[in-house]
Amino acid sequence: MSDVATTAADGSLQLDALHDVELDVVAVLGKTRMTLGTLRSVRPRTTIPLDRPLGSPLEIMVNGKLFAIGELVSVNDSELGVQIKSIVSNRD
């Protein structure tokens, strides 16, 4: 059995075996808190206010951790996308 991560001659890690690992990626538009009673009263056409102004940057979360900041864009006439503006350093 071969190692998933091997060391190259220059000492850097080779992680090629991990390239096909799938991760959960979520673009967060905003957040809010509400009571269960309020949530139960939500119907079609109800507007739920979020904690950010219109046009605010989005948080791009990968497996629950902040990865990048982005902007909502149109990919084509029927799809949305996120254009990455900056990568967040999470090195602990």
C-alpha atoms as a PDB file:
ATOM      1  CA  MET A   1       0.000   0.000   0.000  1.00  0.00           C
ATOM      2  CA  SER A   2       1.387   3.446  -0.924  1.00  0.00           C
ATOM      3  CA  ASP A   3       1.248   6.552   1.250  1.00  0.00           C
ATOM      4  CA  VAL A   4      -1.397   9.148   0.397  1.00  0.00           C
ATOM      5  CA  ALA A   5       1.072  11.969   1.000  1.00  0.00           C
ATOM      6  CA  THR A   6       4.647  11.443  -0.106  1.00  0.00           C
ATOM      7  CA  THR A   7       7.611  13.765   0.186  1.00  0.00           C
ATOM      8  CA  ALA A   8       9.288  15.126  -2.948  1.00  0.00           C
ATOM      9  CA  ALA A   9      13.047  15.528  -3.267  1.00  0.00           C
ATOM     10  CA  ASP A  10      12.714  19.193  -2.237  1.00  0.00           C
ATOM     11  CA  GLY A  11      10.835  18.232   0.941  1.00  0.00           C
ATOM     12  CA  SER A  12       7.397  19.429  -0.218  1.00  0.00           C
ATOM     13  CA  LEU A  13       4.368  17.195   0.211  1.00  0.00           C
ATOM     14  CA  GLN A  14       2.893  15.536  -2.867  1.00  0.00           C
ATOM     15  CA  LEU A  15      -0.865  15.276  -2.352  1.00  0.00           C
ATOM     16  CA  ASP A  16      -1.885  14.090  -5.823  1.00  0.00           C
ATOM     17  CA  ALA A  17      -3.813  11.151  -4.360  1.00  0.00           C
ATOM     18  CA  LEU A  18      -6.168  13.615  -2.643  1.00  0.00           C
ATOM     19  CA  HIS A  19      -7.181  15.622  -5.742  1.00  0.00           C
ATOM     20  CA  ASP A  20     -10.455  13.682  -6.162  1.00  0.00           C
ATOM     21  CA  VAL A  21     -11.609  14.088  -2.533  1.00  0.00           C
ATOM     22  CA  GLU A  22     -14.941  15.941  -2.519  1.00  0.00           C
ATOM     23  CA  LEU A  23     -15.512  18.794  -0.066  1.00  0.00           C
ATOM     24  CA  ASP A  24     -18.680  20.663   0.913  1.00  0.00           C
ATOM     25  CA  VAL A  25     -18.511  24.235  -0.420  1.00  0.00           C
ATOM     26  CA  VAL A  26     -21.173  26.728   0.726  1.00  0.00           C
ATOM     27  CA  ALA A  27     -21.580  30.392  -0.253  1.00  0.00           C
ATOM     28  CA  VAL A  28     -23.157  32.278   2.662  1.00  0.00           C
ATOM     29  CA  LEU A  29     -25.333  35.239   1.630  1.00  0.00           C
ATOM     30  CA  GLY A  30     -26.181  36.176   5.193  1.00  0.00           C
ATOM     31  CA  LYS A  31     -27.605  34.888   8.440  1.00  0.00           C
ATOM     32  CA  THR A  32     -30.432  35.595  10.825  1.00  0.00           C
ATOM     33  CA  ARG A  33     -31.969  34.196  13.989  1.00  0.00           C
ATOM     34  CA  MET A  34     -35.664  33.709  14.506  1.00  0.00           C
ATOM     35  CA  THR A  35     -37.933  32.018  16.940  1.00  0.00           C
ATOM     36  CA  LEU A  36     -39.629  28.750  16.136  1.00  0.00           C
ATOM     37  CA  GLY A  37     -42.943  30.596  16.153  1.00  0.00           C
ATOM     38  CA  THR A  38     -41.712  33.039  13.509  1.00  0.00           C
ATOM     39  CA  LEU A  39     -40.271  30.227  11.408  1.00  0.00           C
ATOM     40  CA  ARG A  40     -43.577  28.365  11.573  1.00  0.00           C
ATOM     41  CA  SER A  41     -45.363  31.419  10.172  1.00  0.00           C
ATOM     42  CA  VAL A  42     -43.161  31.572   7.051  1.00  0.00           C
ATOM     43  CA  ARG A  43     -45.158  31.146   3.857  1.00  0.00           C
ATOM     44  CA  PRO A  44     -44.388  31.544   0.154  1.00  0.00           C
ATOM     45  CA  ARG A  45     -43.510  35.198  -0.607  1.00  0.00           C
ATOM     46  CA  THR A  46     -42.341  35.794   2.991  1.00  0.00           C
ATOM     47  CA  THR A  47     -39.144  37.865   3.053  1.00  0.00           C
ATOM     48  CA  ILE A  48     -36.555  36.899   5.651  1.00  0.00           C
ATOM     49  CA  PRO A  49     -34.122  39.762   6.326  1.00  0.00           C
ATOM     50  CA  LEU A  50     -30.444  38.837   6.571  1.00  0.00           C
ATOM     51  CA  ASP A  51     -27.613  40.462   8.516  1.00  0.00           C
ATOM     52  CA  ARG A  52     -25.866  41.992   5.475  1.00  0.00           C
ATOM     53  CA  PRO A  53     -26.669  44.825   3.100  1.00  0.00           C
ATOM     54  CA  LEU A  54     -27.419  44.126  -0.549  1.00  0.00           C
ATOM     55  CA  GLY A  55     -24.199  43.686  -2.531  1.00  0.00           C
ATOM     56  CA  SER A  56     -22.128  42.604   0.471  1.00  0.00           C
ATOM     57  CA  PRO A  57     -19.335  40.083  -0.044  1.00  0.00           C
ATOM     58  CA  LEU A  58     -20.175  36.412   0.441  1.00  0.00           C
ATOM     59  CA  GLU A  59     -18.327  34.009   2.706  1.00  0.00           C
ATOM     60  CA  ILE A  60     -17.202  30.820   0.971  1.00  0.00           C
ATOM     61  CA  MET A  61     -17.076  28.027   3.514  1.00  0.00           C
ATOM     62  CA  VAL A  62     -15.310  24.715   2.872  1.00  0.00           C
ATOM     63  CA  ASN A  63     -16.288  21.917   5.245  1.00  0.00           C
ATOM     64  CA  GLY A  64     -17.555  24.527   7.703  1.00  0.00           C
ATOM     65  CA  LYS A  65     -14.416  26.699   7.696  1.00  0.00           C
ATOM     66  CA  LEU A  66     -14.029  30.119   6.098  1.00  0.00           C
ATOM     67  CA  PHE A  67     -11.979  29.682   2.905  1.00  0.00           C
ATOM     68  CA  ALA A  68     -12.555  32.803   0.812  1.00  0.00           C
ATOM     69  CA  ILE A  69     -14.531  35.989   0.276  1.00  0.00           C
ATOM     70  CA  GLY A  70     -16.428  36.404  -2.971  1.00  0.00           C
ATOM     71  CA  GLU A  71     -19.041  38.245  -4.956  1.00  0.00           C
ATOM     72  CA  LEU A  72     -22.268  36.912  -6.438  1.00  0.00           C
ATOM     73  CA  VAL A  73     -22.123  36.889 -10.251  1.00  0.00           C
ATOM     74  CA  SER A  74     -24.160  35.612 -13.179  1.00  0.00           C
ATOM     75  CA  VAL A  75     -22.496  32.635 -14.877  1.00  0.00           C
ATOM     76  CA  ASN A  76     -24.989  32.617 -17.743  1.00  0.00           C
ATOM     77  CA  ASP A  77     -28.642  33.499 -18.125  1.00  0.00           C
ATOM     78  CA  SER A  78     -29.825  30.795 -15.741  1.00  0.00           C
ATOM     79  CA  GLU A  79     -27.055  30.160 -13.173  1.00  0.00           C
ATOM     80  CA  LEU A  80     -25.398  32.022 -10.333  1.00  0.00           C
ATOM     81  CA  GLY A  81     -21.759  31.791  -9.373  1.00  0.00           C
ATOM     82  CA  VAL A  82     -19.307  33.268  -6.902  1.00  0.00           C
ATOM     83  CA  GLN A  83     -16.261  35.179  -8.078  1.00  0.00           C
ATOM     84  CA  ILE A  84     -13.452  34.787  -5.549  1.00  0.00           C
ATOM     85  CA  LYS A  85     -12.086  38.136  -4.372  1.00  0.00           C
ATOM     86  CA  SER A  86      -9.663  36.909  -1.692  1.00  0.00           C
ATOM     87  CA  ILE A  87      -8.502  33.686  -0.078  1.00  0.00           C
ATOM     88  CA  VAL A  88      -8.574  33.658   3.723  1.00  0.00           C
ATOM     89  CA  SER A  89      -5.532  32.250   5.495  1.00  0.00           C
ATOM     90  CA  ASN A  90      -6.597  29.767   8.194  1.00  0.00           C
ATOM     91  CA  ARG A  91      -3.214  28.442   9.162  1.00  0.00           C
ATOM     92  CA  ASP A  92      -3.228  27.519  12.834  1.00  0.00           C
END
